[in-house]
N, C-alpha and C. Protein backbone atom coordinates (compact mmCIF):
# COMPACT_ATOMS: atom_id res chain seq x y z
N MET A 1 -7.33 -24.45 -15.92
CA MET A 1 -7.81 -23.73 -16.43
C MET A 1 -7.11 -23.45 -17.11
N GLY A 2 -6.80 -23.52 -18.59
CA GLY A 2 -5.83 -23.65 -19.95
C GLY A 2 -5.83 -21.97 -20.35
N ALA A 3 -4.09 -22.43 -20.72
CA ALA A 3 -3.33 -21.14 -21.13
C ALA A 3 -4.37 -20.04 -22.44
N GLU A 4 -4.90 -20.46 -23.23
CA GLU A 4 -5.83 -18.74 -23.86
C GLU A 4 -7.09 -19.17 -22.63
N GLU A 5 -7.37 -19.45 -21.92
CA GLU A 5 -8.46 -18.87 -21.17
C GLU A 5 -7.86 -18.21 -20.15
N LYS A 6 -7.26 -18.63 -19.45
CA LYS A 6 -5.28 -17.92 -18.35
C LYS A 6 -5.72 -16.26 -18.78
N GLU A 7 -5.14 -16.83 -20.06
CA GLU A 7 -4.45 -15.22 -21.29
C GLU A 7 -5.68 -14.36 -21.32
N HIS A 8 -7.09 -14.60 -21.40
CA HIS A 8 -8.21 -14.06 -21.99
C HIS A 8 -8.47 -13.06 -20.59
N LEU A 9 -8.70 -14.30 -19.18
CA LEU A 9 -8.96 -13.78 -18.34
C LEU A 9 -7.40 -12.65 -17.94
N GLN A 10 -6.64 -12.31 -18.61
CA GLN A 10 -5.80 -11.56 -17.35
C GLN A 10 -5.83 -10.28 -18.43
N GLN A 11 -6.36 -10.53 -19.63
CA GLN A 11 -6.02 -9.26 -20.28
C GLN A 11 -7.77 -8.68 -20.48
N ALA A 12 -8.77 -9.58 -19.76
CA ALA A 12 -10.07 -8.68 -18.64
C ALA A 12 -9.17 -7.71 -17.37
N ILE A 13 -8.23 -8.53 -17.16
CA ILE A 13 -8.74 -7.55 -15.78
C ILE A 13 -7.75 -6.75 -15.99
N GLU A 14 -6.29 -6.50 -17.31
CA GLU A 14 -5.73 -5.43 -17.35
C GLU A 14 -7.10 -4.06 -17.93
N ARG A 15 -7.43 -4.51 -18.76
CA ARG A 15 -8.41 -3.42 -19.33
C ARG A 15 -9.39 -2.62 -18.49
N ASP A 16 -9.85 -3.73 -17.07
CA ASP A 16 -10.76 -3.61 -16.43
C ASP A 16 -10.02 -2.78 -15.29
N ALA A 17 -8.91 -2.81 -15.23
CA ALA A 17 -7.89 -2.03 -13.56
C ALA A 17 -7.59 -0.84 -14.61
N TYR A 18 -7.49 -1.01 -15.99
CA TYR A 18 -7.04 0.52 -16.19
C TYR A 18 -8.58 1.18 -17.00
N ASN A 19 -9.12 0.59 -16.70
CA ASN A 19 -11.27 1.43 -16.85
C ASN A 19 -10.97 2.04 -16.14
N ASN A 20 -11.04 1.29 -14.94
CA ASN A 20 -11.39 1.87 -13.38
C ASN A 20 -10.16 3.01 -13.02
N GLU A 21 -9.54 3.12 -13.33
CA GLU A 21 -8.68 3.93 -12.86
C GLU A 21 -9.21 5.19 -13.86
N LEU A 22 -8.78 5.43 -15.29
CA LEU A 22 -9.35 6.69 -15.74
C LEU A 22 -10.91 6.99 -15.59
N ASN A 23 -12.16 5.83 -14.71
CA ASN A 23 -12.69 6.62 -14.80
C ASN A 23 -13.47 6.42 -13.19
N TYR A 24 -12.57 6.43 -12.20
CA TYR A 24 -13.01 6.21 -11.05
C TYR A 24 -11.90 7.20 -10.71
N TRP A 25 -10.93 6.75 -10.28
CA TRP A 25 -8.97 6.97 -9.73
C TRP A 25 -8.96 6.24 -8.09
N GLY A 26 -8.32 6.43 -8.57
CA GLY A 26 -8.12 5.33 -6.94
C GLY A 26 -6.77 4.40 -7.16
N CYS A 27 -6.01 4.53 -7.67
CA CYS A 27 -5.15 3.47 -8.39
C CYS A 27 -4.98 1.82 -7.33
N SER A 28 -4.83 2.00 -6.16
CA SER A 28 -5.18 0.42 -5.82
C SER A 28 -6.79 0.18 -5.77
N GLN A 29 -7.89 0.86 -5.60
CA GLN A 29 -8.95 0.30 -5.60
C GLN A 29 -9.28 0.14 -7.21
N ALA A 30 -8.34 0.79 -8.06
CA ALA A 30 -8.85 0.57 -9.86
C ALA A 30 -8.24 -0.97 -9.97
N VAL A 31 -6.89 -1.93 -9.54
CA VAL A 31 -6.45 -2.49 -9.35
C VAL A 31 -7.19 -3.57 -8.96
N LEU A 32 -7.43 -3.39 -7.54
CA LEU A 32 -8.09 -4.40 -6.45
C LEU A 32 -9.11 -5.25 -6.99
N GLY A 33 -9.94 -3.89 -7.32
CA GLY A 33 -11.51 -3.95 -7.87
C GLY A 33 -11.53 -4.82 -9.26
N ALA A 34 -10.43 -4.68 -9.83
CA ALA A 34 -10.52 -5.32 -11.30
C ALA A 34 -9.74 -6.87 -10.80
N LEU A 35 -9.47 -7.17 -10.03
CA LEU A 35 -8.86 -8.32 -9.70
C LEU A 35 -9.83 -8.72 -8.92
N GLN A 36 -10.41 -8.21 -8.01
CA GLN A 36 -12.00 -9.20 -7.45
C GLN A 36 -13.68 -9.08 -8.20
N ARG A 37 -13.43 -8.91 -9.26
CA ARG A 37 -14.33 -9.04 -10.22
C ARG A 37 -14.24 -9.90 -11.09
N ASN A 38 -12.77 -9.93 -11.48
CA ASN A 38 -12.68 -11.67 -11.72
C ASN A 38 -12.36 -12.16 -11.71
N LEU A 39 -11.65 -12.58 -10.73
CA LEU A 39 -11.50 -13.49 -9.52
C LEU A 39 -12.40 -13.82 -8.86
N ASP A 40 -13.45 -12.71 -8.35
CA ASP A 40 -14.37 -13.71 -7.01
C ASP A 40 -13.55 -13.51 -6.19
N ILE A 41 -13.16 -12.69 -5.93
CA ILE A 41 -12.75 -12.25 -4.51
C ILE A 41 -12.89 -10.75 -3.61
N GLY A 42 -12.65 -11.59 -1.99
CA GLY A 42 -13.18 -10.49 -1.41
C GLY A 42 -14.13 -9.67 -1.27
N ASN A 43 -14.56 -8.50 -0.88
CA ASN A 43 -16.27 -8.50 -0.48
C ASN A 43 -15.72 -6.61 -0.63
N LYS A 44 -16.51 -5.75 -0.02
CA LYS A 44 -17.23 -4.32 -0.03
C LYS A 44 -15.93 -4.12 0.80
N ASP A 45 -15.94 -4.68 1.94
CA ASP A 45 -15.06 -3.91 3.38
C ASP A 45 -13.44 -3.96 2.46
N VAL A 46 -12.77 -5.11 2.47
CA VAL A 46 -11.62 -5.45 1.49
C VAL A 46 -11.72 -3.99 0.55
N PHE A 47 -12.76 -3.86 -0.40
CA PHE A 47 -11.71 -2.79 -1.22
C PHE A 47 -12.03 -1.79 -0.40
N ALA A 48 -12.91 -1.49 0.48
CA ALA A 48 -12.51 0.23 0.67
C ALA A 48 -11.29 0.14 1.51
N ALA A 49 -10.84 -0.70 2.09
CA ALA A 49 -9.58 -1.25 2.69
C ALA A 49 -8.79 -0.45 2.02
N ALA A 50 -9.08 -0.23 1.05
CA ALA A 50 -7.94 0.16 0.10
C ALA A 50 -7.77 1.07 0.03
N THR A 51 -8.40 1.99 0.14
CA THR A 51 -9.08 3.69 -0.60
C THR A 51 -7.78 4.55 -0.11
N GLY A 52 -7.27 4.53 0.88
CA GLY A 52 -5.86 4.90 1.29
C GLY A 52 -4.94 5.05 0.40
N PHE A 53 -4.54 4.04 0.21
CA PHE A 53 -2.67 3.16 -0.74
C PHE A 53 -3.49 4.00 -2.07
N ALA A 54 -4.10 4.90 -3.10
CA ALA A 54 -3.96 5.34 -4.18
C ALA A 54 -3.27 7.24 -3.60
N GLY A 55 -1.97 7.32 -4.35
CA GLY A 55 -1.26 8.28 -4.62
C GLY A 55 -0.11 8.24 -4.06
N GLY A 56 0.21 6.62 -3.76
CA GLY A 56 1.02 6.65 -3.19
C GLY A 56 1.26 6.54 -1.65
N VAL A 57 0.23 5.61 -1.28
CA VAL A 57 -0.25 5.73 0.39
C VAL A 57 -0.97 7.27 0.99
N ALA A 58 -1.91 7.84 0.93
CA ALA A 58 -2.27 8.80 1.36
C ALA A 58 -1.82 9.79 0.81
N LYS A 59 -1.41 9.88 -0.50
CA LYS A 59 -0.83 10.96 -1.50
C LYS A 59 0.70 11.39 -1.44
N ASN A 60 1.19 10.20 -0.49
CA ASN A 60 2.70 10.47 -0.33
C ASN A 60 3.31 10.25 -0.95
N GLN A 61 3.01 9.33 -2.35
CA GLN A 61 4.00 9.58 -3.06
C GLN A 61 5.04 8.23 -2.58
N GLU A 62 4.90 7.33 -1.60
CA GLU A 62 5.84 6.22 -1.18
C GLU A 62 5.14 5.20 -1.78
N VAL A 63 5.28 3.84 -1.72
CA VAL A 63 5.12 3.19 -2.53
C VAL A 63 3.72 2.99 -3.29
N CYS A 64 3.96 2.80 -4.46
CA CYS A 64 2.43 2.58 -5.58
C CYS A 64 1.52 2.48 -5.35
N GLY A 65 0.55 2.72 -4.86
CA GLY A 65 -0.95 2.43 -4.38
C GLY A 65 -1.70 1.41 -5.19
N ALA A 66 -1.27 0.94 -6.64
CA ALA A 66 -1.62 0.62 -7.55
C ALA A 66 -1.56 -1.38 -6.80
N LEU A 67 0.21 -1.06 -7.32
CA LEU A 67 1.11 -2.28 -6.15
C LEU A 67 0.34 -2.87 -4.91
N LEU A 68 -0.21 -1.19 -4.19
CA LEU A 68 -0.40 -2.19 -3.37
C LEU A 68 -2.12 -3.05 -3.30
N GLY A 69 -2.67 -2.28 -4.28
CA GLY A 69 -4.10 -3.26 -4.55
C GLY A 69 -3.80 -4.46 -4.90
N GLY A 70 -2.41 -4.90 -5.91
CA GLY A 70 -2.07 -6.27 -6.19
C GLY A 70 -1.53 -6.84 -5.07
N ILE A 71 -1.44 -6.28 -4.04
CA ILE A 71 -0.76 -7.50 -2.63
C ILE A 71 -1.93 -7.76 -2.13
N MET A 72 -2.45 -6.52 -1.48
CA MET A 72 -4.05 -6.94 -1.17
C MET A 72 -5.11 -8.50 -1.67
N ALA A 73 -4.77 -7.77 -3.64
CA ALA A 73 -5.34 -9.79 -3.74
C ALA A 73 -4.49 -10.61 -3.48
N ILE A 74 -3.35 -10.95 -3.73
CA ILE A 74 -2.11 -12.02 -3.85
C ILE A 74 -3.13 -12.49 -1.79
N GLY A 75 -3.10 -11.25 -0.86
CA GLY A 75 -3.05 -11.55 0.14
C GLY A 75 -4.46 -12.23 0.47
N LEU A 76 -5.39 -11.85 -0.61
CA LEU A 76 -7.04 -12.69 -0.44
C LEU A 76 -7.12 -13.76 -1.20
N VAL A 77 -6.31 -14.08 -1.88
CA VAL A 77 -6.21 -15.78 -2.05
C VAL A 77 -5.82 -16.48 -1.36
N TYR A 78 -4.02 -15.92 -1.02
CA TYR A 78 -3.56 -16.74 -0.62
C TYR A 78 -2.62 -16.50 0.67
N GLY A 79 -3.26 -15.45 1.71
CA GLY A 79 -2.79 -15.07 2.80
C GLY A 79 -3.73 -15.37 4.04
N ARG A 80 -2.52 -15.77 4.97
CA ARG A 80 -3.17 -16.27 6.27
C ARG A 80 -4.57 -15.86 7.33
N ARG A 81 -5.55 -16.47 7.08
CA ARG A 81 -6.73 -16.34 7.92
C ARG A 81 -6.99 -15.91 9.11
N GLU A 82 -5.53 -16.09 9.47
CA GLU A 82 -6.02 -15.99 11.43
C GLU A 82 -4.46 -16.42 11.81
N PHE A 83 -4.28 -15.47 12.61
CA PHE A 83 -3.31 -16.15 13.94
C PHE A 83 -3.34 -17.67 14.42
N GLU A 84 -2.22 -18.22 14.15
CA GLU A 84 -2.30 -19.63 15.32
C GLU A 84 -1.54 -19.68 16.17
N GLU A 85 -1.91 -19.51 17.55
CA GLU A 85 -1.82 -20.20 18.56
C GLU A 85 0.10 -19.76 19.06
N GLY A 86 0.78 -19.37 19.60
CA GLY A 86 1.93 -20.31 19.80
C GLY A 86 2.70 -20.43 18.62
N LYS A 87 2.12 -19.85 16.85
CA LYS A 87 3.42 -19.25 16.24
C LYS A 87 3.16 -18.50 15.20
N VAL A 88 4.27 -17.93 15.01
CA VAL A 88 4.89 -16.84 14.11
C VAL A 88 4.99 -17.20 12.59
N GLY A 89 4.62 -15.65 12.10
CA GLY A 89 4.39 -15.90 10.61
C GLY A 89 5.02 -16.67 9.93
N HIS A 90 6.30 -16.91 9.96
CA HIS A 90 6.73 -17.85 9.79
C HIS A 90 6.98 -18.95 9.90
N GLU A 91 6.20 -19.77 10.26
CA GLU A 91 6.04 -21.01 10.82
C GLU A 91 4.09 -20.84 10.21
N GLN A 92 3.61 -20.38 9.45
CA GLN A 92 2.20 -20.58 8.99
C GLN A 92 2.63 -20.34 7.72
N ARG A 93 2.54 -21.91 6.54
CA ARG A 93 2.80 -22.02 5.17
C ARG A 93 1.86 -21.03 4.41
N THR A 94 0.27 -20.17 4.85
CA THR A 94 -0.25 -19.29 4.04
C THR A 94 0.40 -17.99 4.49
N PHE A 95 1.19 -17.27 5.81
CA PHE A 95 1.93 -16.49 6.06
C PHE A 95 3.21 -16.21 4.45
N LEU A 96 3.52 -17.36 4.26
CA LEU A 96 5.04 -17.64 3.89
C LEU A 96 4.43 -17.70 2.34
N GLU A 97 3.87 -18.27 1.87
CA GLU A 97 3.45 -18.20 0.53
C GLU A 97 2.69 -16.96 0.05
N ALA A 98 1.74 -15.68 1.20
CA ALA A 98 1.96 -14.38 0.32
C ALA A 98 2.79 -14.14 0.40
N GLN A 99 3.77 -13.73 1.43
CA GLN A 99 4.87 -12.95 1.30
C GLN A 99 5.60 -13.62 0.21
N ASP A 100 5.99 -14.73 -0.17
CA ASP A 100 6.28 -15.24 -1.62
C ASP A 100 6.01 -14.47 -2.97
N ARG A 101 4.73 -14.79 -3.31
CA ARG A 101 4.18 -14.69 -4.48
C ARG A 101 4.36 -12.20 -4.34
N SER A 102 3.46 -12.31 -2.92
CA SER A 102 3.84 -10.42 -3.17
C SER A 102 5.21 -9.52 -3.20
N ALA A 103 6.43 -10.71 -3.05
CA ALA A 103 7.55 -10.57 -3.24
C ALA A 103 7.92 -10.41 -5.15
N TRP A 104 7.59 -11.84 -5.32
CA TRP A 104 7.29 -11.57 -7.24
C TRP A 104 7.35 -10.47 -7.57
N LEU A 105 5.93 -10.22 -6.96
CA LEU A 105 4.65 -9.34 -8.27
C LEU A 105 5.92 -7.58 -7.74
N CYS A 106 6.24 -7.91 -6.49
CA CYS A 106 7.08 -6.11 -6.35
C CYS A 106 8.45 -6.56 -7.32
N GLU A 107 8.84 -7.48 -7.44
CA GLU A 107 10.09 -7.67 -8.22
C GLU A 107 9.96 -7.81 -9.68
N LYS A 108 8.93 -8.36 -9.92
CA LYS A 108 8.22 -8.15 -11.48
C LYS A 108 8.00 -6.42 -11.66
N PHE A 109 7.62 -6.02 -10.88
CA PHE A 109 6.75 -4.31 -10.76
C PHE A 109 8.16 -3.32 -11.60
N LYS A 110 9.06 -3.99 -10.15
CA LYS A 110 10.20 -3.11 -10.13
C LYS A 110 11.28 -3.54 -12.06
N GLU A 111 10.98 -4.92 -12.38
CA GLU A 111 12.07 -4.37 -13.70
C GLU A 111 10.91 -3.55 -14.06
N ARG A 112 9.65 -4.25 -14.43
CA ARG A 112 9.05 -3.14 -15.24
C ARG A 112 9.42 -1.64 -15.66
N PHE A 113 8.79 -1.47 -14.10
CA PHE A 113 9.08 0.47 -14.16
C PHE A 113 10.57 0.81 -13.29
N GLY A 114 10.76 0.13 -13.29
CA GLY A 114 12.06 0.77 -12.31
C GLY A 114 12.12 1.01 -11.06
N THR A 115 11.29 1.34 -10.41
CA THR A 115 10.63 1.54 -9.33
C THR A 115 9.72 1.28 -8.59
N LEU A 116 9.44 1.15 -7.23
CA LEU A 116 8.15 0.93 -6.44
C LEU A 116 7.75 1.84 -6.26
N LEU A 117 8.79 3.29 -6.45
CA LEU A 117 8.01 4.70 -5.30
C LEU A 117 6.97 5.21 -6.35
N CYS A 118 5.90 5.70 -6.05
CA CYS A 118 4.68 6.48 -6.71
C CYS A 118 5.38 7.68 -7.49
N ARG A 119 5.74 8.46 -6.75
CA ARG A 119 6.30 9.71 -7.33
C ARG A 119 7.74 9.36 -8.16
N GLU A 120 8.41 8.81 -7.82
CA GLU A 120 9.31 7.89 -9.23
C GLU A 120 8.75 7.78 -10.37
N LEU A 121 7.63 6.97 -9.99
CA LEU A 121 6.60 6.24 -11.15
C LEU A 121 5.98 7.17 -12.46
N ARG A 122 5.61 7.77 -11.21
CA ARG A 122 5.05 9.37 -12.07
C ARG A 122 5.69 10.03 -12.47
N THR A 123 6.48 10.77 -12.89
CA THR A 123 7.92 11.11 -13.75
C THR A 123 8.69 10.43 -14.62
N LYS A 124 7.98 8.64 -14.53
CA LYS A 124 9.33 7.49 -15.53
C LYS A 124 7.88 8.10 -16.34
N VAL A 125 6.56 7.70 -16.43
CA VAL A 125 5.28 7.81 -17.10
C VAL A 125 5.14 9.12 -17.81
N GLY A 126 5.17 9.92 -16.83
CA GLY A 126 5.82 11.64 -17.93
C GLY A 126 4.12 12.07 -17.30
N ARG A 127 4.12 11.99 -15.70
CA ARG A 127 3.04 12.29 -14.97
C ARG A 127 3.23 13.75 -14.06
N LYS A 128 2.83 14.57 -13.86
CA LYS A 128 3.38 15.28 -13.31
C LYS A 128 3.11 15.15 -11.38
N PRO A 129 4.12 15.36 -10.24
CA PRO A 129 4.23 14.95 -9.01
C PRO A 129 2.94 15.92 -8.73
N LEU A 130 2.58 14.94 -7.31
CA LEU A 130 1.34 15.47 -6.60
C LEU A 130 2.04 16.45 -6.38
N GLY A 131 1.11 17.27 -5.54
CA GLY A 131 0.94 18.28 -4.78
C GLY A 131 0.07 19.84 -5.00
N ASP A 132 0.69 19.98 -6.09
CA ASP A 132 -0.83 20.86 -6.90
C ASP A 132 -2.27 20.58 -6.85
N GLU A 133 -2.97 20.33 -5.60
CA GLU A 133 -3.94 19.85 -5.70
C GLU A 133 -4.78 20.69 -7.01
N ASN A 134 -5.21 21.84 -7.15
CA ASN A 134 -5.61 22.04 -8.12
C ASN A 134 -5.60 21.83 -9.39
N HIS A 135 -4.82 21.41 -9.68
CA HIS A 135 -4.17 20.57 -11.19
C HIS A 135 -5.18 19.59 -11.14
N HIS A 136 -5.79 19.21 -10.16
CA HIS A 136 -6.30 18.40 -10.68
C HIS A 136 -8.03 18.24 -11.23
N TYR A 137 -8.40 19.30 -11.04
CA TYR A 137 -9.44 20.44 -11.12
C TYR A 137 -9.10 21.00 -12.76
N THR A 138 -8.19 20.50 -13.91
CA THR A 138 -8.25 21.41 -14.67
C THR A 138 -8.40 20.18 -16.18
N LEU A 139 -8.51 20.54 -17.05
CA LEU A 139 -8.52 19.66 -18.26
C LEU A 139 -7.59 18.58 -18.12
N GLU A 140 -6.13 19.18 -18.07
CA GLU A 140 -4.94 19.13 -18.46
C GLU A 140 -4.87 17.95 -17.14
N GLY A 141 -5.21 18.24 -15.91
CA GLY A 141 -4.97 17.35 -15.21
C GLY A 141 -5.65 15.93 -15.24
N PHE A 142 -6.56 16.28 -15.95
CA PHE A 142 -7.23 14.82 -16.28
C PHE A 142 -7.21 14.57 -17.94
N GLU A 143 -6.68 14.51 -18.42
CA GLU A 143 -5.63 13.87 -19.41
C GLU A 143 -4.68 13.63 -19.06
N ASN A 144 -3.78 14.30 -18.00
CA ASN A 144 -2.89 13.61 -17.37
C ASN A 144 -2.87 12.24 -16.12
N HIS A 145 -3.68 12.32 -16.48
CA HIS A 145 -4.59 11.18 -15.08
C HIS A 145 -3.88 9.89 -15.87
N VAL A 146 -4.57 10.22 -17.50
CA VAL A 146 -4.53 8.56 -17.55
C VAL A 146 -3.59 7.97 -18.00
N LYS A 147 -2.21 8.60 -18.16
CA LYS A 147 -1.20 8.06 -17.45
C LYS A 147 -1.16 6.92 -16.34
N CYS A 148 -1.37 6.84 -15.77
CA CYS A 148 -1.53 5.96 -14.14
C CYS A 148 -2.36 5.01 -14.84
N GLY A 149 -3.33 4.93 -15.96
CA GLY A 149 -4.13 4.37 -16.40
C GLY A 149 -2.87 2.52 -17.19
N ASP A 150 -2.32 3.28 -17.60
CA ASP A 150 -0.66 2.06 -18.58
C ASP A 150 -0.01 1.10 -17.39
N VAL A 151 -0.48 2.18 -15.57
CA VAL A 151 0.49 1.75 -14.29
C VAL A 151 -0.73 0.44 -13.79
N THR A 152 -1.62 0.62 -13.97
CA THR A 152 -2.86 0.30 -13.34
C THR A 152 -2.98 -1.12 -13.85
N GLY A 153 -3.15 -0.96 -15.16
CA GLY A 153 -3.24 -2.08 -15.90
C GLY A 153 -2.67 -3.29 -15.91
N ALA A 154 -1.68 -2.74 -16.10
CA ALA A 154 -0.09 -3.50 -16.58
C ALA A 154 0.05 -4.03 -14.40
N ILE A 155 -0.09 -3.24 -14.05
CA ILE A 155 -0.09 -4.29 -12.49
C ILE A 155 -1.21 -5.11 -11.92
N ALA A 156 -1.85 -5.15 -12.51
CA ALA A 156 -3.64 -5.65 -12.36
C ALA A 156 -3.09 -6.63 -12.92
N ARG A 157 -2.98 -7.52 -14.53
CA ARG A 157 -2.47 -8.30 -15.10
C ARG A 157 -0.76 -9.14 -14.46
N LEU A 158 -0.31 -8.17 -13.50
CA LEU A 158 0.81 -9.33 -13.25
C LEU A 158 0.56 -9.77 -11.99
N ALA A 159 -0.57 -9.34 -11.11
CA ALA A 159 -1.35 -10.05 -9.80
C ALA A 159 -1.99 -10.66 -10.64
N ALA A 160 -2.53 -11.22 -11.47
CA ALA A 160 -3.37 -11.74 -11.69
C ALA A 160 -2.29 -12.85 -11.93
N GLU A 161 -1.54 -12.84 -12.55
CA GLU A 161 -0.52 -13.96 -13.29
C GLU A 161 0.58 -14.40 -11.97
N VAL A 162 0.39 -13.91 -11.68
CA VAL A 162 0.98 -14.42 -9.97
C VAL A 162 -0.23 -15.06 -9.01
N ILE A 163 -1.89 -14.28 -9.37
CA ILE A 163 -2.37 -15.24 -8.54
C ILE A 163 -2.65 -16.78 -9.45
N LEU A 164 -3.08 -16.93 -10.66
CA LEU A 164 -3.15 -18.05 -10.53
C LEU A 164 -2.38 -18.91 -11.11
N GLU A 165 -1.32 -19.07 -10.71
CA GLU A 165 -0.31 -19.83 -10.70
C GLU A 165 -0.18 -20.22 -9.75
N SER A 166 0.67 -21.72 -10.33
CA SER A 166 0.23 -23.18 -9.35
C SER A 166 0.78 -23.01 -8.30
N SER A 167 0.72 -23.22 -7.21
CA SER A 167 1.32 -23.56 -5.86
C SER A 167 2.73 -24.19 -5.77
N GLU A 168 2.82 -24.36 -6.95
CA GLU A 168 3.65 -26.41 -7.11
C GLU A 168 5.22 -25.28 -6.88
N PRO A 169 5.97 -24.71 -7.53
CA PRO A 169 6.89 -23.57 -7.90
C PRO A 169 7.26 -23.36 -5.92
N TYR A 170 6.55 -22.37 -5.45
CA TYR A 170 6.70 -22.55 -3.86
C TYR A 170 7.00 -23.44 -2.90
N ASP A 171 6.65 -24.57 -2.98
CA ASP A 171 5.87 -26.17 -2.02
C ASP A 171 7.20 -26.18 -1.53
N ALA A 172 8.47 -26.83 -2.39
CA ALA A 172 8.98 -27.15 -1.89
C ALA A 172 10.40 -26.14 -0.42
N GLU A 173 10.49 -24.92 -1.32
CA GLU A 173 10.87 -24.11 -0.84
C GLU A 173 10.30 -23.36 0.77
N ILE A 174 9.28 -23.18 0.53
CA ILE A 174 7.99 -23.44 2.06
C ILE A 174 8.43 -24.43 2.71
N LYS A 175 7.91 -25.62 2.61
CA LYS A 175 8.13 -26.80 3.63
C LYS A 175 9.64 -26.71 4.13
N ALA A 176 10.73 -26.47 3.06
CA ALA A 176 12.39 -26.30 3.82
C ALA A 176 12.36 -25.04 5.48
N ARG A 177 11.41 -24.19 4.71
CA ARG A 177 11.42 -22.78 5.44
C ARG A 177 11.03 -23.62 7.57
N LEU A 178 9.21 -23.97 6.22
CA LEU A 178 8.97 -24.63 7.53
C LEU A 178 9.79 -24.96 8.75
N GLU A 179 9.85 -27.03 8.07
CA GLU A 179 11.26 -27.60 8.89
C GLU A 179 12.20 -26.48 9.64
N ASP A 180 12.99 -25.55 9.32
CA ASP A 180 13.78 -24.89 9.66
C ASP A 180 13.45 -23.64 10.87
N MET A 181 12.44 -23.68 10.84
CA MET A 181 11.36 -23.24 12.32
C MET A 181 11.14 -24.19 13.45
N LYS A 182 10.45 -25.45 12.92
CA LYS A 182 10.38 -27.04 14.01
C LYS A 182 11.76 -26.45 14.00
N ARG A 183 12.66 -26.92 13.94
CA ARG A 183 14.19 -27.31 14.14
C ARG A 183 14.29 -25.55 15.01
N LEU A 184 13.93 -24.86 14.82
CA LEU A 184 14.26 -23.68 15.72
C LEU A 184 13.71 -23.87 17.02
N ARG A 185 12.52 -24.07 16.78
CA ARG A 185 11.17 -24.18 18.00
C ARG A 185 11.99 -25.44 18.80
N GLU A 186 12.11 -26.80 18.28
CA GLU A 186 12.63 -27.51 19.15
C GLU A 186 14.07 -27.03 19.92
N LEU A 187 15.05 -26.73 19.50
CA LEU A 187 15.82 -25.16 20.31
C LEU A 187 15.60 -24.76 21.23
N GLN A 188 14.53 -24.43 21.15
CA GLN A 188 14.43 -22.96 21.92
C GLN A 188 13.23 -24.29 23.01
N ARG A 189 12.86 -24.55 22.96
CA ARG A 189 12.19 -25.43 24.11
C ARG A 189 13.05 -26.15 24.45
N VAL A 190 14.15 -26.83 23.79
CA VAL A 190 15.30 -27.42 24.88
C VAL A 190 16.16 -26.49 25.61
N SER A 191 16.67 -25.49 25.33
CA SER A 191 17.12 -24.56 25.57
C SER A 191 16.09 -23.76 27.36
N GLY A 192 14.93 -24.05 26.17
CA GLY A 192 14.07 -23.35 28.11
C GLY A 192 13.61 -24.28 29.11
N ASP A 193 14.16 -25.86 28.95
CA ASP A 193 14.33 -26.67 29.37
C ASP A 193 15.48 -26.46 30.82
N SER A 194 16.54 -26.88 29.71
CA SER A 194 17.72 -26.29 30.71
C SER A 194 17.58 -25.32 31.79
């Protein structure tokens, strides 16, 4: 995919996530849904699984649900599909790459917004904290909600960037870590034989 095509795709994902948040609410699904639709990943079950992450995980204002939706999309593309008998996650390339890409997304998110926490993010974007549930049912509450669209659009675009990036930058480090785990397993086996 060329740079211009990639840029158009990232713009479409950003716009879709923004519109999803404004039209339907639920930051985690707003991001995940935009990524699913534009990248043709996952299914309705995956989309449904993201429901509880909105509001910083079940309205607890912890880790931003939009960020979690992006991490779910990364897992859909790069994540481990099943457990491998006798291997921990750090012995599986897919586990490591999904972790590394997710960590990159978290770093970029934190650089952009200064936090990963919903409660802090709401304050930074000028949104009222959760708590007064009646606030949702006012005109001010609906207008206030627009501010989260800016976050969902931005995180969806960042997640798309991470997903569309080549695996090459991750290869050398992942290979080295897999070799380290292989050596550790050999030592473990030798020590178990003694």
